[in-house]
Protein backbone atom coordinates (compact mmCIF):
# COMPACT_ATOMS: atom_id res chain seq x y z
CA UNK A 1 108.93 117.40 54.39
CA UNK A 2 109.94 114.37 56.33
CA UNK A 3 107.94 112.43 58.97
CA UNK A 4 104.31 112.55 59.90
CA UNK A 5 102.88 115.40 57.84
CA UNK A 6 100.20 115.70 60.37
CA UNK A 7 102.66 115.91 63.38
CA UNK A 8 105.13 118.35 61.75
CA UNK A 9 102.17 120.87 60.97
CA UNK A 10 101.15 121.15 64.42
CA UNK A 11 102.08 124.34 66.24
CA UNK A 12 104.71 123.70 69.14
CA UNK A 13 102.94 123.55 72.76
CA UNK A 14 104.50 126.65 73.87
CA UNK A 15 106.83 129.39 73.04
CA UNK A 16 110.69 128.91 73.51
CA UNK A 17 110.58 130.83 76.74
CA UNK A 18 107.98 128.69 78.31
CA UNK A 19 109.13 125.49 77.07
CA UNK A 20 112.41 126.18 78.66
CA UNK A 21 110.79 127.03 81.91
CA UNK A 22 108.48 124.10 81.81
CA UNK A 23 111.58 121.80 80.96
CA UNK A 24 112.98 122.78 84.32
CA UNK A 25 109.87 121.32 86.41
CA UNK A 26 110.98 118.60 88.37
CA UNK A 27 109.27 115.05 87.78
CA UNK A 28 110.49 113.59 90.94
CA UNK A 29 111.50 115.05 94.46
CA UNK A 30 109.28 118.20 94.42
CA UNK A 31 109.02 120.29 97.57
CA UNK A 32 105.37 118.79 98.25
CA UNK A 33 106.71 115.20 97.92
CA UNK A 34 109.72 115.96 99.98
CA UNK A 35 107.66 117.38 102.85
CA UNK A 36 105.55 114.36 102.78
CA UNK A 37 108.66 112.16 102.78
CA UNK A 38 110.14 114.10 105.75
CA UNK A 39 106.72 113.70 107.83
CA UNK A 40 106.47 110.14 107.07
CA UNK A 41 110.15 109.49 107.98
CA UNK A 42 109.59 111.73 111.31
CA UNK A 43 106.65 109.05 112.10
CA UNK A 44 109.26 106.15 111.54
CA UNK A 45 107.56 104.98 108.32
CA UNK A 46 110.12 103.97 105.69
CA UNK A 47 109.48 103.72 102.00
CA UNK A 48 110.86 103.29 98.48
CA UNK A 49 111.11 106.48 96.27
CA UNK A 50 110.22 106.84 92.42
CA UNK A 51 109.61 103.28 91.66
CA UNK A 52 107.10 101.25 89.67
CA UNK A 53 104.86 99.67 91.78
CA UNK A 54 104.18 96.67 89.37
CA UNK A 55 107.16 95.19 87.78
CA UNK A 56 107.39 96.06 84.08
CA UNK A 57 104.70 98.84 84.43
CA UNK A 58 106.76 102.13 83.35
CA UNK A 59 104.49 104.33 85.64
CA UNK A 60 106.32 105.22 88.76
CA UNK A 61 104.97 106.07 92.10
CA UNK A 62 106.44 108.79 94.12
CA UNK A 63 106.20 106.59 97.34
CA UNK A 64 105.97 102.94 97.25
CA UNK A 65 105.25 100.19 100.25
CA UNK A 66 105.55 96.89 98.55
CA UNK A 67 104.97 94.82 101.62
CA UNK A 68 101.50 96.66 102.17
CA UNK A 69 100.73 97.08 98.52
CA UNK A 70 100.27 100.81 98.87
CA UNK A 71 101.26 103.40 96.05
CA UNK A 72 101.43 107.17 96.66
CA UNK A 73 101.40 109.68 94.08
CA UNK A 74 101.96 113.40 94.79
CA UNK A 75 100.03 115.17 91.91
CA UNK A 76 100.82 118.83 90.78
CA UNK A 77 97.71 120.98 90.43
CA UNK A 78 98.32 122.11 86.74
CA UNK A 79 99.61 118.71 85.47
CA UNK A 80 97.13 116.67 86.79
CA UNK A 81 93.98 119.01 86.75
CA UNK A 82 93.21 119.59 90.44
CA UNK A 83 89.44 120.72 90.74
CA UNK A 84 90.59 123.64 92.81
CA UNK A 85 93.58 125.06 91.42
CA UNK A 86 93.61 123.65 87.86
CA UNK A 87 94.34 126.46 85.39
CA UNK A 88 93.94 126.73 81.41
CA UNK A 89 96.76 127.91 79.35
CA UNK A 90 95.65 130.67 76.87
CA UNK A 91 98.44 129.80 74.25
CA UNK A 92 97.60 126.90 72.14
CA UNK A 93 94.64 126.02 74.47
CA UNK A 94 93.46 122.93 72.47
CA UNK A 95 96.86 121.37 72.57
CA UNK A 96 97.02 122.00 76.41
CA UNK A 97 93.53 120.72 76.81
CA UNK A 98 94.07 117.64 75.18
CA UNK A 99 97.48 117.00 77.00
CA UNK A 100 96.20 117.58 80.40
CA UNK A 101 92.85 115.44 79.84
CA UNK A 102 95.30 112.68 78.81
CA UNK A 103 97.33 113.11 81.94
CA UNK A 104 94.17 112.41 84.02
CA UNK A 105 93.13 109.44 81.81
CA UNK A 106 96.51 107.78 82.37
CA UNK A 107 96.23 108.59 86.14
CA UNK A 108 92.88 106.86 86.30
CA UNK A 109 94.35 103.87 83.92
CA UNK A 110 97.04 103.55 86.35
CA UNK A 111 94.79 103.59 89.57
CA UNK A 112 92.78 100.92 87.96
CA UNK A 113 95.76 98.72 87.09
CA UNK A 114 97.02 99.00 90.47
CA UNK A 115 93.72 98.28 91.86
CA UNK A 116 93.30 95.08 89.80
CA UNK A 117 96.88 93.77 90.99
CA UNK A 118 95.61 94.31 94.48
CA UNK A 119 97.28 97.91 95.43
CA UNK A 120 95.98 100.68 97.11
CA UNK A 121 96.34 104.20 95.54
CA UNK A 122 96.80 107.08 97.45
CA UNK A 123 96.82 110.38 95.31
CA UNK A 124 97.85 113.53 97.17
CA UNK A 125 97.64 116.95 95.66
CA UNK A 126 100.68 119.19 95.87
CA UNK A 127 98.80 121.90 98.03
CA UNK A 128 97.81 119.26 100.87
CA UNK A 129 99.04 119.73 104.26
CA UNK A 130 101.81 117.15 104.55
CA UNK A 131 100.64 116.37 108.14
CA UNK A 132 97.19 115.48 106.85
CA UNK A 133 98.58 113.70 103.65
CA UNK A 134 100.71 111.69 105.97
CA UNK A 135 97.81 110.73 107.95
CA UNK A 136 95.80 109.46 104.87
CA UNK A 137 98.99 107.38 103.82
CA UNK A 138 99.12 105.91 107.27
CA UNK A 139 95.38 105.02 107.20
CA UNK A 140 96.07 103.31 103.69
CA UNK A 141 99.02 101.45 105.37
CA UNK A 142 96.64 100.16 108.19
CA UNK A 143 94.30 98.63 105.94
């Protein structure tokens, strides 16, 4: 046995079919993100796409407005634990609970790091209406 024994004894997160399906999930340019981008563009609002708001930070925002110091994240309900639509996988439940909770912790850490650097963060759920989401972004841009 090579590598970390604790790691090698863990069960995989999913079965091969589920793993293949999840590997096809987009990280960027999702349908909800594209709908928001279209609405903002229709309003004449321009932005950077899939960019780290703070140089050297690996965490990228879906939309960035550097002059206004606004970062927008369009969060998926499953991956970011939407309070309305989050689901709990039944296979390997403990592994998934830890993984998804870690995503939420990372999101809050990102929010705090950006706020400390003087940025506003707008978090939009994938199920939100793009027109209302664009309204929220516009409000943040006016501040």
